[in-house]
Amino acid sequence: MSRIGKKPISVPDKVDVKVEGLSLTVKGPKGELRRTLPTGVTISYK
């Protein structure tokens, strides 16, 4: 298992995150980014 991959990513208060399968939408004070992650991983946001 990847040492980097194991670490959870903390989401700042000003940022909205939307997860739909492997698609991720991140909206913050500077703008909005969308990305579809590669297959072989799962995303959980809690």
All heavy atoms as atom14 arrays in JSON, in Angstrom:
{
  "sequence": "MSRIGKKPISVPDKVDVKVEGLSLTVKGPKGELRRTLPTGVTISYK",
  "atom14_mask": [
    [1, 1, 1, 1, 1, 1, 1, 1, 0, 0, 0, 0, 0, 0],
    [1, 1, 1, 1, 1, 1, 0, 0, 0, 0, 0, 0, 0, 0],
    [1, 1, 1, 1, 1, 1, 1, 1, 1, 1, 1, 0, 0, 0],
    [1, 1, 1, 1, 1, 1, 1, 1, 0, 0, 0, 0, 0, 0],
    [1, 1, 1, 1, 0, 0, 0, 0, 0, 0, 0, 0, 0, 0],
    [1, 1, 1, 1, 1, 1, 1, 1, 1, 0, 0, 0, 0, 0],
    [1, 1, 1, 1, 1, 1, 1, 1, 1, 0, 0, 0, 0, 0],
    [1, 1, 1, 1, 1, 1, 1, 0, 0, 0, 0, 0, 0, 0],
    [1, 1, 1, 1, 1, 1, 1, 1, 0, 0, 0, 0, 0, 0],
    [1, 1, 1, 1, 1, 1, 0, 0, 0, 0, 0, 0, 0, 0],
    [1, 1, 1, 1, 1, 1, 1, 0, 0, 0, 0, 0, 0, 0],
    [1, 1, 1, 1, 1, 1, 1, 0, 0, 0, 0, 0, 0, 0],
    [1, 1, 1, 1, 1, 1, 1, 1, 0, 0, 0, 0, 0, 0],
    [1, 1, 1, 1, 1, 1, 1, 1, 1, 0, 0, 0, 0, 0],
    [1, 1, 1, 1, 1, 1, 1, 0, 0, 0, 0, 0, 0, 0],
    [1, 1, 1, 1, 1, 1, 1, 1, 0, 0, 0, 0, 0, 0],
    [1, 1, 1, 1, 1, 1, 1, 0, 0, 0, 0, 0, 0, 0],
    [1, 1, 1, 1, 1, 1, 1, 1, 1, 0, 0, 0, 0, 0],
    [1, 1, 1, 1, 1, 1, 1, 0, 0, 0, 0, 0, 0, 0],
    [1, 1, 1, 1, 1, 1, 1, 1, 1, 0, 0, 0, 0, 0],
    [1, 1, 1, 1, 0, 0, 0, 0, 0, 0, 0, 0, 0, 0],
    [1, 1, 1, 1, 1, 1, 1, 1, 0, 0, 0, 0, 0, 0],
    [1, 1, 1, 1, 1, 1, 0, 0, 0, 0, 0, 0, 0, 0],
    [1, 1, 1, 1, 1, 1, 1, 1, 0, 0, 0, 0, 0, 0],
    [1, 1, 1, 1, 1, 1, 1, 0, 0, 0, 0, 0, 0, 0],
    [1, 1, 1, 1, 1, 1, 1, 0, 0, 0, 0, 0, 0, 0],
    [1, 1, 1, 1, 1, 1, 1, 1, 1, 0, 0, 0, 0, 0],
    [1, 1, 1, 1, 0, 0, 0, 0, 0, 0, 0, 0, 0, 0],
    [1, 1, 1, 1, 1, 1, 1, 0, 0, 0, 0, 0, 0, 0],
    [1, 1, 1, 1, 1, 1, 1, 1, 1, 0, 0, 0, 0, 0],
    [1, 1, 1, 1, 0, 0, 0, 0, 0, 0, 0, 0, 0, 0],
    [1, 1, 1, 1, 1, 1, 1, 1, 1, 0, 0, 0, 0, 0],
    [1, 1, 1, 1, 1, 1, 1, 1, 0, 0, 0, 0, 0, 0],
    [1, 1, 1, 1, 1, 1, 1, 1, 1, 1, 1, 0, 0, 0],
    [1, 1, 1, 1, 1, 1, 1, 1, 1, 1, 1, 0, 0, 0],
    [1, 1, 1, 1, 1, 1, 1, 0, 0, 0, 0, 0, 0, 0],
    [1, 1, 1, 1, 1, 1, 1, 1, 0, 0, 0, 0, 0, 0],
    [1, 1, 1, 1, 1, 1, 1, 0, 0, 0, 0, 0, 0, 0],
    [1, 1, 1, 1, 1, 1, 1, 0, 0, 0, 0, 0, 0, 0],
    [1, 1, 1, 1, 0, 0, 0, 0, 0, 0, 0, 0, 0, 0],
    [1, 1, 1, 1, 1, 1, 1, 0, 0, 0, 0, 0, 0, 0],
    [1, 1, 1, 1, 1, 1, 1, 0, 0, 0, 0, 0, 0, 0],
    [1, 1, 1, 1, 1, 1, 1, 1, 0, 0, 0, 0, 0, 0],
    [1, 1, 1, 1, 1, 1, 0, 0, 0, 0, 0, 0, 0, 0],
    [1, 1, 1, 1, 1, 1, 1, 1, 1, 1, 1, 1, 0, 0],
    [1, 1, 1, 1, 1, 1, 1, 1, 1, 0, 0, 0, 0, 0]
  ],
  "atom14_positions": [
    [[0.84, -1.18, 0.0], [0.0, 0.0, 0.0], [0.89, 1.25, 0.0], [1.91, 1.28, 0.66], [-0.88, -0.01, 1.24], [-2.22, 0.61, 1.05], [-3.16, 0.35, 2.57], [-4.71, 0.95, 2.06], [0.0, 0.0, 0.0], [0.0, 0.0, 0.0], [0.0, 0.0, 0.0], [0.0, 0.0, 0.0], [0.0, 0.0, 0.0], [0.0, 0.0, 0.0]],
    [[0.48, 2.26, -0.72], [1.25, 3.48, -0.85], [1.29, 4.26, 0.46], [0.27, 4.44, 1.11], [0.63, 4.35, -1.94], [1.18, 5.63, -1.92], [0.0, 0.0, 0.0], [0.0, 0.0, 0.0], [0.0, 0.0, 0.0], [0.0, 0.0, 0.0], [0.0, 0.0, 0.0], [0.0, 0.0, 0.0], [0.0, 0.0, 0.0], [0.0, 0.0, 0.0]],
    [[2.5, 4.7, 0.85], [2.62, 5.49, 2.08], [1.92, 6.84, 1.92], [1.28, 7.32, 2.85], [4.09, 5.72, 2.42], [4.71, 4.51, 3.07], [6.15, 4.76, 3.4], [6.91, 4.63, 2.16], [8.09, 5.19, 1.93], [8.63, 5.97, 2.83], [8.72, 5.0, 0.8], [0.0, 0.0, 0.0], [0.0, 0.0, 0.0], [0.0, 0.0, 0.0]],
    [[2.06, 7.44, 0.74], [1.4, 8.72, 0.5], [-0.11, 8.52, 0.42], [-0.88, 9.29, 0.98], [1.92, 9.36, -0.81], [3.37, 9.76, -0.62], [1.07, 10.54, -1.23], [4.04, 10.24, -1.88], [0.0, 0.0, 0.0], [0.0, 0.0, 0.0], [0.0, 0.0, 0.0], [0.0, 0.0, 0.0], [0.0, 0.0, 0.0], [0.0, 0.0, 0.0]],
    [[-0.55, 7.47, -0.27], [-1.97, 7.22, -0.47], [-2.74, 6.95, 0.8], [-3.94, 7.2, 0.88], [0.0, 0.0, 0.0], [0.0, 0.0, 0.0], [0.0, 0.0, 0.0], [0.0, 0.0, 0.0], [0.0, 0.0, 0.0], [0.0, 0.0, 0.0], [0.0, 0.0, 0.0], [0.0, 0.0, 0.0], [0.0, 0.0, 0.0], [0.0, 0.0, 0.0]],
    [[-2.08, 6.41, 1.84], [-2.76, 6.08, 3.1], [-3.22, 7.32, 3.85], [-4.19, 7.26, 4.6], [-1.8, 5.32, 4.02], [-1.56, 3.91, 3.67], [-0.7, 3.3, 4.76], [0.14, 2.17, 4.23], [1.08, 1.66, 5.22], [0.0, 0.0, 0.0], [0.0, 0.0, 0.0], [0.0, 0.0, 0.0], [0.0, 0.0, 0.0], [0.0, 0.0, 0.0]],
    [[-2.49, 8.45, 3.69], [-2.8, 9.65, 4.46], [-4.14, 10.25, 4.05], [-4.39, 10.45, 2.87], [-1.72, 10.7, 4.25], [-0.36, 10.29, 4.72], [0.65, 11.38, 4.41], [2.05, 10.95, 4.76], [3.05, 11.94, 4.32], [0.0, 0.0, 0.0], [0.0, 0.0, 0.0], [0.0, 0.0, 0.0], [0.0, 0.0, 0.0], [0.0, 0.0, 0.0]],
    [[-5.01, 10.56, 5.01], [-6.26, 11.25, 4.66], [-5.98, 12.7, 4.28], [-5.0, 13.3, 4.74], [-7.09, 11.16, 5.94], [-6.11, 10.93, 7.03], [-4.93, 10.25, 6.43], [0.0, 0.0, 0.0], [0.0, 0.0, 0.0], [0.0, 0.0, 0.0], [0.0, 0.0, 0.0], [0.0, 0.0, 0.0], [0.0, 0.0, 0.0], [0.0, 0.0, 0.0]],
    [[-6.82, 13.26, 3.43], [-6.67, 14.64, 2.99], [-7.71, 15.47, 3.73], [-8.9, 15.22, 3.6], [-6.91, 14.75, 1.47], [-6.05, 13.75, 0.72], [-6.63, 16.16, 0.99], [-6.53, 13.47, -0.68], [0.0, 0.0, 0.0], [0.0, 0.0, 0.0], [0.0, 0.0, 0.0], [0.0, 0.0, 0.0], [0.0, 0.0, 0.0], [0.0, 0.0, 0.0]],
    [[-7.24, 16.46, 4.5], [-8.2, 17.3, 5.22], [-8.71, 18.39, 4.28], [-7.96, 19.0, 3.54], [-7.55, 17.92, 6.46], [-6.48, 18.75, 6.08], [0.0, 0.0, 0.0], [0.0, 0.0, 0.0], [0.0, 0.0, 0.0], [0.0, 0.0, 0.0], [0.0, 0.0, 0.0], [0.0, 0.0, 0.0], [0.0, 0.0, 0.0], [0.0, 0.0, 0.0]],
    [[-10.02, 18.61, 4.32], [-10.67, 19.59, 3.46], [-10.85, 20.89, 4.24], [-11.45, 20.88, 5.32], [-12.04, 19.06, 2.98], [-12.74, 20.09, 2.1], [-11.87, 17.76, 2.23], [0.0, 0.0, 0.0], [0.0, 0.0, 0.0], [0.0, 0.0, 0.0], [0.0, 0.0, 0.0], [0.0, 0.0, 0.0], [0.0, 0.0, 0.0], [0.0, 0.0, 0.0]],
    [[-10.32, 22.03, 3.74], [-10.51, 23.32, 4.44], [-11.99, 23.7, 4.52], [-12.82, 23.21, 3.76], [-9.74, 24.31, 3.56], [-8.81, 23.49, 2.74], [-9.47, 22.16, 2.57], [0.0, 0.0, 0.0], [0.0, 0.0, 0.0], [0.0, 0.0, 0.0], [0.0, 0.0, 0.0], [0.0, 0.0, 0.0], [0.0, 0.0, 0.0], [0.0, 0.0, 0.0]],
    [[-12.31, 24.6, 5.43], [-13.7, 25.0, 5.67], [-14.33, 25.68, 4.46], [-15.52, 25.53, 4.22], [-13.77, 25.96, 6.87], [-13.36, 25.27, 8.16], [-13.52, 24.04, 8.23], [-12.89, 25.97, 9.08], [0.0, 0.0, 0.0], [0.0, 0.0, 0.0], [0.0, 0.0, 0.0], [0.0, 0.0, 0.0], [0.0, 0.0, 0.0], [0.0, 0.0, 0.0]],
    [[-13.54, 26.44, 3.7], [-14.08, 27.24, 2.59], [-14.32, 26.41, 1.33], [-14.76, 26.94, 0.33], [-13.11, 28.36, 2.24], [-12.74, 29.26, 3.39], [-11.65, 30.21, 2.97], [-10.37, 29.84, 3.7], [-9.21, 30.57, 3.26], [0.0, 0.0, 0.0], [0.0, 0.0, 0.0], [0.0, 0.0, 0.0], [0.0, 0.0, 0.0], [0.0, 0.0, 0.0]],
    [[-14.01, 25.13, 1.35], [-14.05, 24.3, 0.14], [-15.23, 23.34, 0.18], [-15.48, 22.68, 1.2], [-12.73, 23.52, -0.02], [-12.76, 22.63, -1.22], [-11.56, 24.48, -0.11], [0.0, 0.0, 0.0], [0.0, 0.0, 0.0], [0.0, 0.0, 0.0], [0.0, 0.0, 0.0], [0.0, 0.0, 0.0], [0.0, 0.0, 0.0], [0.0, 0.0, 0.0]],
    [[-15.96, 23.25, -0.96], [-17.04, 22.28, -1.11], [-16.56, 21.15, -2.0], [-15.99, 21.39, -3.06], [-18.26, 22.94, -1.77], [-18.88, 24.01, -0.9], [-18.79, 23.9, 0.33], [-19.45, 24.97, -1.46], [0.0, 0.0, 0.0], [0.0, 0.0, 0.0], [0.0, 0.0, 0.0], [0.0, 0.0, 0.0], [0.0, 0.0, 0.0], [0.0, 0.0, 0.0]],
    [[-16.82, 19.92, -1.57], [-16.39, 18.74, -2.32], [-17.62, 17.92, -2.68], [-18.5, 17.68, -1.85], [-15.41, 17.88, -1.48], [-15.03, 16.62, -2.22], [-14.18, 18.68, -1.12], [0.0, 0.0, 0.0], [0.0, 0.0, 0.0], [0.0, 0.0, 0.0], [0.0, 0.0, 0.0], [0.0, 0.0, 0.0], [0.0, 0.0, 0.0], [0.0, 0.0, 0.0]],
    [[-17.67, 17.48, -3.96], [-18.76, 16.63, -4.41], [-18.13, 15.39, -5.06], [-17.34, 15.51, -5.99], [-19.63, 17.37, -5.42], [-20.95, 16.66, -5.71], [-21.74, 17.36, -6.79], [-22.1, 18.77, -6.41], [-22.88, 19.44, -7.48], [0.0, 0.0, 0.0], [0.0, 0.0, 0.0], [0.0, 0.0, 0.0], [0.0, 0.0, 0.0], [0.0, 0.0, 0.0]],
    [[-18.49, 14.2, -4.56], [-17.95, 12.94, -5.08], [-19.07, 12.15, -5.73], [-20.11, 11.91, -5.12], [-17.31, 12.1, -3.94], [-16.79, 10.79, -4.47], [-16.21, 12.87, -3.25], [0.0, 0.0, 0.0], [0.0, 0.0, 0.0], [0.0, 0.0, 0.0], [0.0, 0.0, 0.0], [0.0, 0.0, 0.0], [0.0, 0.0, 0.0], [0.0, 0.0, 0.0]],
    [[-18.86, 11.76, -6.99], [-19.82, 10.91, -7.72], [-19.04, 9.8, -8.39], [-18.51, 9.98, -9.48], [-20.57, 11.74, -8.76], [-21.42, 12.85, -8.18], [-21.92, 13.81, -9.24], [-21.55, 13.65, -10.43], [-22.66, 14.73, -8.88], [0.0, 0.0, 0.0], [0.0, 0.0, 0.0], [0.0, 0.0, 0.0], [0.0, 0.0, 0.0], [0.0, 0.0, 0.0]],
    [[-18.92, 8.66, -7.73], [-18.12, 7.56, -8.27], [-16.65, 7.94, -8.26], [-16.09, 8.22, -7.2], [0.0, 0.0, 0.0], [0.0, 0.0, 0.0], [0.0, 0.0, 0.0], [0.0, 0.0, 0.0], [0.0, 0.0, 0.0], [0.0, 0.0, 0.0], [0.0, 0.0, 0.0], [0.0, 0.0, 0.0], [0.0, 0.0, 0.0], [0.0, 0.0, 0.0]],
    [[-16.02, 7.98, -9.43], [-14.62, 8.4, -9.52], [-14.49, 9.86, -9.93], [-13.38, 10.36, -10.08], [-13.86, 7.51, -10.52], [-13.59, 6.09, -10.06], [-12.9, 5.29, -11.15], [-12.74, 6.08, -8.8], [0.0, 0.0, 0.0], [0.0, 0.0, 0.0], [0.0, 0.0, 0.0], [0.0, 0.0, 0.0], [0.0, 0.0, 0.0], [0.0, 0.0, 0.0]],
    [[-15.62, 10.55, -10.11], [-15.6, 11.97, -10.45], [-15.56, 12.8, -9.18], [-16.29, 12.52, -8.22], [-16.84, 12.36, -11.23], [-16.65, 12.16, -12.58], [0.0, 0.0, 0.0], [0.0, 0.0, 0.0], [0.0, 0.0, 0.0], [0.0, 0.0, 0.0], [0.0, 0.0, 0.0], [0.0, 0.0, 0.0], [0.0, 0.0, 0.0], [0.0, 0.0, 0.0]],
    [[-14.72, 13.83, -9.2], [-14.57, 14.68, -8.04], [-14.68, 16.13, -8.48], [-14.03, 16.54, -9.45], [-13.2, 14.42, -7.4], [-12.89, 15.13, -6.11], [-13.71, 14.54, -4.98], [-11.42, 15.0, -5.8], [0.0, 0.0, 0.0], [0.0, 0.0, 0.0], [0.0, 0.0, 0.0], [0.0, 0.0, 0.0], [0.0, 0.0, 0.0], [0.0, 0.0, 0.0]],
    [[-15.52, 16.91, -7.81], [-15.65, 18.35, -8.07], [-15.29, 19.09, -6.8], [-15.83, 18.8, -5.73], [-17.09, 18.7, -8.48], [-17.45, 17.89, -9.6], [-17.21, 20.16, -8.87], [0.0, 0.0, 0.0], [0.0, 0.0, 0.0], [0.0, 0.0, 0.0], [0.0, 0.0, 0.0], [0.0, 0.0, 0.0], [0.0, 0.0, 0.0], [0.0, 0.0, 0.0]],
    [[-14.34, 20.03, -6.93], [-13.88, 20.8, -5.78], [-14.11, 22.27, -6.09], [-13.66, 22.78, -7.11], [-12.38, 20.53, -5.53], [-11.88, 21.35, -4.37], [-12.12, 19.07, -5.3], [0.0, 0.0, 0.0], [0.0, 0.0, 0.0], [0.0, 0.0, 0.0], [0.0, 0.0, 0.0], [0.0, 0.0, 0.0], [0.0, 0.0, 0.0], [0.0, 0.0, 0.0]],
    [[-14.85, 22.95, -5.2], [-15.16, 24.37, -5.39], [-14.64, 25.14, -4.18], [-14.95, 24.79, -3.04], [-16.67, 24.56, -5.54], [-17.08, 25.94, -5.99], [-18.57, 26.09, -6.05], [-19.14, 25.38, -7.26], [-20.58, 25.63, -7.43], [0.0, 0.0, 0.0], [0.0, 0.0, 0.0], [0.0, 0.0, 0.0], [0.0, 0.0, 0.0], [0.0, 0.0, 0.0]],
    [[-13.82, 26.18, -4.45], [-13.24, 26.96, -3.38], [-13.25, 28.43, -3.71], [-13.83, 28.85, -4.71], [0.0, 0.0, 0.0], [0.0, 0.0, 0.0], [0.0, 0.0, 0.0], [0.0, 0.0, 0.0], [0.0, 0.0, 0.0], [0.0, 0.0, 0.0], [0.0, 0.0, 0.0], [0.0, 0.0, 0.0], [0.0, 0.0, 0.0], [0.0, 0.0, 0.0]],
    [[-12.56, 29.26, -2.89], [-12.56, 30.7, -3.12], [-11.9, 31.12, -4.44], [-12.27, 32.13, -5.02], [-11.78, 31.26, -1.92], [-11.25, 30.12, -1.17], [-11.86, 28.88, -1.68], [0.0, 0.0, 0.0], [0.0, 0.0, 0.0], [0.0, 0.0, 0.0], [0.0, 0.0, 0.0], [0.0, 0.0, 0.0], [0.0, 0.0, 0.0], [0.0, 0.0, 0.0]],
    [[-10.94, 30.36, -4.94], [-10.24, 30.73, -6.18], [-10.95, 30.23, -7.44], [-10.7, 30.73, -8.52], [-8.81, 30.15, -6.17], [-7.92, 30.74, -5.12], [-7.14, 31.86, -5.7], [-6.15, 32.36, -4.68], [-5.36, 33.45, -5.17], [0.0, 0.0, 0.0], [0.0, 0.0, 0.0], [0.0, 0.0, 0.0], [0.0, 0.0, 0.0], [0.0, 0.0, 0.0]],
    [[-11.79, 29.2, -7.31], [-12.48, 28.68, -8.49], [-12.94, 27.25, -8.28], [-13.06, 26.78, -7.15], [0.0, 0.0, 0.0], [0.0, 0.0, 0.0], [0.0, 0.0, 0.0], [0.0, 0.0, 0.0], [0.0, 0.0, 0.0], [0.0, 0.0, 0.0], [0.0, 0.0, 0.0], [0.0, 0.0, 0.0], [0.0, 0.0, 0.0], [0.0, 0.0, 0.0]],
    [[-13.2, 26.58, -9.39], [-13.74, 25.22, -9.35], [-12.92, 24.3, -10.26], [-12.56, 24.68, -11.37], [-15.19, 25.24, -9.82], [-15.87, 23.9, -9.8], [-17.33, 23.97, -10.22], [-17.93, 25.07, -10.15], [-17.86, 22.93, -10.61], [0.0, 0.0, 0.0], [0.0, 0.0, 0.0], [0.0, 0.0, 0.0], [0.0, 0.0, 0.0], [0.0, 0.0, 0.0]],
    [[-12.62, 23.09, -9.78], [-11.89, 22.09, -10.56], [-12.66, 20.78, -10.57], [-13.26, 20.4, -9.56], [-10.5, 21.84, -9.97], [-9.46, 22.94, -10.11], [-8.21, 22.57, -9.33], [-9.12, 23.15, -11.57], [0.0, 0.0, 0.0], [0.0, 0.0, 0.0], [0.0, 0.0, 0.0], [0.0, 0.0, 0.0], [0.0, 0.0, 0.0], [0.0, 0.0, 0.0]],
    [[-12.62, 20.11, -11.72], [-13.24, 18.78, -11.86], [-12.2, 17.81, -12.37], [-11.38, 18.16, -13.2], [-14.39, 18.82, -12.87], [-15.6, 19.51, -12.38], [-16.77, 19.27, -13.36], [-17.91, 20.02, -12.92], [-18.26, 21.2, -13.4], [-17.54, 21.76, -14.36], [-19.31, 21.83, -12.95], [0.0, 0.0, 0.0], [0.0, 0.0, 0.0], [0.0, 0.0, 0.0]],
    [[-12.26, 16.58, -11.88], [-11.34, 15.56, -12.37], [-11.97, 14.2, -12.16], [-12.64, 13.95, -11.16], [-10.01, 15.65, -11.62], [-9.1, 14.5, -11.97], [-7.7, 14.71, -11.45], [-6.84, 14.84, -12.61], [-5.97, 15.81, -12.82], [-5.84, 16.75, -11.94], [-5.23, 15.83, -13.89], [0.0, 0.0, 0.0], [0.0, 0.0, 0.0], [0.0, 0.0, 0.0]],
    [[-11.72, 13.31, -13.12], [-12.12, 11.92, -12.97], [-10.87, 11.14, -12.65], [-9.91, 11.15, -13.44], [-12.77, 11.4, -14.27], [-13.89, 12.23, -14.58], [-13.22, 9.96, -14.11], [0.0, 0.0, 0.0], [0.0, 0.0, 0.0], [0.0, 0.0, 0.0], [0.0, 0.0, 0.0], [0.0, 0.0, 0.0], [0.0, 0.0, 0.0], [0.0, 0.0, 0.0]],
    [[-10.85, 10.48, -11.52], [-9.67, 9.73, -11.1], [-9.56, 8.42, -11.87], [-10.56, 7.9, -12.38], [-9.74, 9.46, -9.6], [-9.69, 10.7, -8.7], [-9.76, 10.29, -7.25], [-8.44, 11.5, -8.95], [0.0, 0.0, 0.0], [0.0, 0.0, 0.0], [0.0, 0.0, 0.0], [0.0, 0.0, 0.0], [0.0, 0.0, 0.0], [0.0, 0.0, 0.0]],
    [[-8.35, 7.88, -11.98], [-8.17, 6.63, -12.71], [-8.87, 5.46, -12.01], [-9.1, 5.5, -10.8], [-6.66, 6.43, -12.73], [-6.12, 7.3, -11.66], [-7.09, 8.41, -11.47], [0.0, 0.0, 0.0], [0.0, 0.0, 0.0], [0.0, 0.0, 0.0], [0.0, 0.0, 0.0], [0.0, 0.0, 0.0], [0.0, 0.0, 0.0], [0.0, 0.0, 0.0]],
    [[-9.18, 4.42, -12.78], [-9.82, 3.24, -12.19], [-8.82, 2.52, -11.29], [-7.62, 2.67, -11.43], [-10.29, 2.28, -13.3], [-9.16, 1.93, -14.1], [-11.36, 2.91, -14.15], [0.0, 0.0, 0.0], [0.0, 0.0, 0.0], [0.0, 0.0, 0.0], [0.0, 0.0, 0.0], [0.0, 0.0, 0.0], [0.0, 0.0, 0.0], [0.0, 0.0, 0.0]],
    [[-9.34, 1.76, -10.36], [-8.48, 1.01, -9.45], [-8.47, 1.59, -8.05], [-7.83, 1.03, -7.16], [0.0, 0.0, 0.0], [0.0, 0.0, 0.0], [0.0, 0.0, 0.0], [0.0, 0.0, 0.0], [0.0, 0.0, 0.0], [0.0, 0.0, 0.0], [0.0, 0.0, 0.0], [0.0, 0.0, 0.0], [0.0, 0.0, 0.0], [0.0, 0.0, 0.0]],
    [[-9.15, 2.72, -7.84], [-9.21, 3.32, -6.51], [-10.66, 3.69, -6.17], [-11.51, 3.76, -7.06], [-8.33, 4.6, -6.41], [-6.88, 4.26, -6.57], [-8.76, 5.65, -7.41], [0.0, 0.0, 0.0], [0.0, 0.0, 0.0], [0.0, 0.0, 0.0], [0.0, 0.0, 0.0], [0.0, 0.0, 0.0], [0.0, 0.0, 0.0], [0.0, 0.0, 0.0]],
    [[-10.92, 3.91, -4.9], [-12.23, 4.4, -4.46], [-12.02, 5.66, -3.62], [-11.01, 5.8, -2.94], [-12.98, 3.35, -3.6], [-12.17, 3.02, -2.47], [-13.29, 2.11, -4.4], [0.0, 0.0, 0.0], [0.0, 0.0, 0.0], [0.0, 0.0, 0.0], [0.0, 0.0, 0.0], [0.0, 0.0, 0.0], [0.0, 0.0, 0.0], [0.0, 0.0, 0.0]],
    [[-13.01, 6.56, -3.67], [-12.94, 7.81, -2.92], [-14.04, 7.79, -1.87], [-15.19, 7.46, -2.17], [-13.21, 9.03, -3.83], [-12.4, 8.97, -5.11], [-12.93, 10.32, -3.1], [-12.84, 9.98, -6.14], [0.0, 0.0, 0.0], [0.0, 0.0, 0.0], [0.0, 0.0, 0.0], [0.0, 0.0, 0.0], [0.0, 0.0, 0.0], [0.0, 0.0, 0.0]],
    [[-13.68, 8.15, -0.64], [-14.71, 8.31, 0.39], [-14.51, 9.67, 1.06], [-13.39, 10.05, 1.4], [-14.65, 7.18, 1.42], [-13.39, 7.14, 2.03], [0.0, 0.0, 0.0], [0.0, 0.0, 0.0], [0.0, 0.0, 0.0], [0.0, 0.0, 0.0], [0.0, 0.0, 0.0], [0.0, 0.0, 0.0], [0.0, 0.0, 0.0], [0.0, 0.0, 0.0]],
    [[-15.63, 10.4, 1.23], [-15.59, 11.74, 1.81], [-16.45, 11.74, 3.06], [-17.67, 11.59, 3.0], [-16.11, 12.76, 0.79], [-16.25, 14.16, 1.3], [-15.17, 14.82, 1.86], [-17.46, 14.83, 1.22], [-15.28, 16.11, 2.32], [-17.6, 16.12, 1.68], [-16.51, 16.76, 2.23], [-16.63, 18.05, 2.68], [0.0, 0.0, 0.0], [0.0, 0.0, 0.0]],
    [[-15.8, 11.87, 4.23], [-16.52, 11.88, 5.51], [-15.88, 12.9, 6.44], [-14.65, 12.97, 6.54], [-16.44, 10.5, 6.18], [-17.15, 9.41, 5.44], [-16.96, 8.08, 6.11], [-17.47, 6.98, 5.2], [-16.83, 5.71, 5.43], [0.0, 0.0, 0.0], [0.0, 0.0, 0.0], [0.0, 0.0, 0.0], [0.0, 0.0, 0.0], [0.0, 0.0, 0.0]]
  ]
}
